Amino acid sequence: MTTGLPVKRSVKIAGHATSVTLETEFWDCLREMASNRGLSVNQMVAEIDCSRGGNLSSAIRVFVLNELKRQAAG
């Protein structure tokens, strides 16, 4: 299995499709986090989009990292 390769996927935010490029590991974590909250990936990305200040892909990576840090802290 090749890791760390970017994968481009289409997501819908407020009814509009946009492309997001993330590494497979980030997509996997995002999908799991969304599922744990009872949300779709699109819904989770929309929530992240509402609070971001810059690039959406970067905002998703930071969100995933912060969530993993929060989980590790207990």
Protein backbone atom coordinates (compact mmCIF):
# COMPACT_ATOMS: atom_id res chain seq x y z
CA MET A 1 0.00 0.00 0.00
CA THR A 2 1.34 3.40 -0.98
CA THR A 3 0.89 6.06 1.64
CA GLY A 4 1.15 9.81 1.68
CA LEU A 5 -0.10 10.26 -1.87
CA PRO A 6 -2.58 13.07 -2.43
CA VAL A 7 -6.07 12.11 -3.58
CA LYS A 8 -8.47 14.65 -5.10
CA ARG A 9 -12.15 14.20 -4.22
CA SER A 10 -15.24 16.24 -4.87
CA VAL A 11 -17.26 17.43 -1.88
CA LYS A 12 -20.42 19.52 -1.71
CA ILE A 13 -20.53 22.59 0.48
CA ALA A 14 -23.77 24.55 0.58
CA GLY A 15 -24.91 22.75 -2.56
CA HIS A 16 -21.77 23.57 -4.54
CA ALA A 17 -19.22 20.96 -5.58
CA THR A 18 -15.58 21.72 -4.89
CA SER A 19 -12.42 19.63 -5.17
CA VAL A 20 -10.31 18.90 -2.14
CA THR A 21 -6.90 17.24 -2.26
CA LEU A 22 -5.76 15.35 0.83
CA GLU A 23 -3.48 12.44 1.51
CA THR A 24 -5.27 9.08 1.87
CA GLU A 25 -4.56 8.99 5.60
CA PHE A 26 -6.34 12.31 6.13
CA TRP A 27 -9.35 11.14 4.08
CA ASP A 28 -9.51 7.96 6.19
CA CYS A 29 -9.36 9.88 9.48
CA LEU A 30 -11.89 12.45 8.30
CA ARG A 31 -14.30 9.71 7.22
CA GLU A 32 -13.98 7.97 10.60
CA MET A 33 -14.42 11.22 12.56
CA ALA A 34 -17.50 12.13 10.53
CA SER A 35 -18.97 8.67 11.06
CA ASN A 36 -18.34 8.85 14.81
CA ARG A 37 -20.34 12.09 14.89
CA GLY A 38 -23.15 10.72 12.74
CA LEU A 39 -22.21 13.01 9.86
CA SER A 40 -21.32 12.50 6.23
CA VAL A 41 -17.91 13.62 5.01
CA ASN A 42 -19.66 16.45 3.14
CA GLN A 43 -21.33 17.63 6.36
CA MET A 44 -18.05 17.48 8.27
CA VAL A 45 -16.22 19.41 5.55
CA ALA A 46 -19.01 22.02 5.55
CA GLU A 47 -18.54 22.51 9.31
CA ILE A 48 -14.79 22.89 8.87
CA ASP A 49 -15.36 25.30 5.98
CA CYS A 50 -17.49 27.58 8.17
CA SER A 51 -14.66 28.14 10.62
CA ARG A 52 -11.62 28.20 8.36
CA GLY A 53 -9.43 31.18 7.68
CA GLY A 54 -7.44 29.92 4.70
CA ASN A 55 -7.11 27.01 2.33
CA LEU A 56 -9.77 24.30 2.79
CA SER A 57 -7.37 21.37 2.43
CA SER A 58 -5.09 22.87 5.06
CA ALA A 59 -8.04 23.58 7.35
CA ILE A 60 -9.12 19.93 7.12
CA ARG A 61 -5.61 18.69 7.91
CA VAL A 62 -5.38 20.99 10.95
CA PHE A 63 -8.85 19.90 12.11
CA VAL A 64 -7.89 16.21 11.86
CA LEU A 65 -4.59 16.82 13.66
CA ASN A 66 -6.28 18.76 16.47
CA GLU A 67 -8.94 16.07 16.88
CA LEU A 68 -6.31 13.34 17.08
CA LYS A 69 -4.36 15.38 19.66
CA ARG A 70 -7.55 15.91 21.68
CA GLN A 71 -8.33 12.18 21.59
CA ALA A 72 -4.77 11.28 22.63
CA ALA A 73 -4.98 13.66 25.59
CA GLY A 74 -8.07 11.82 26.78
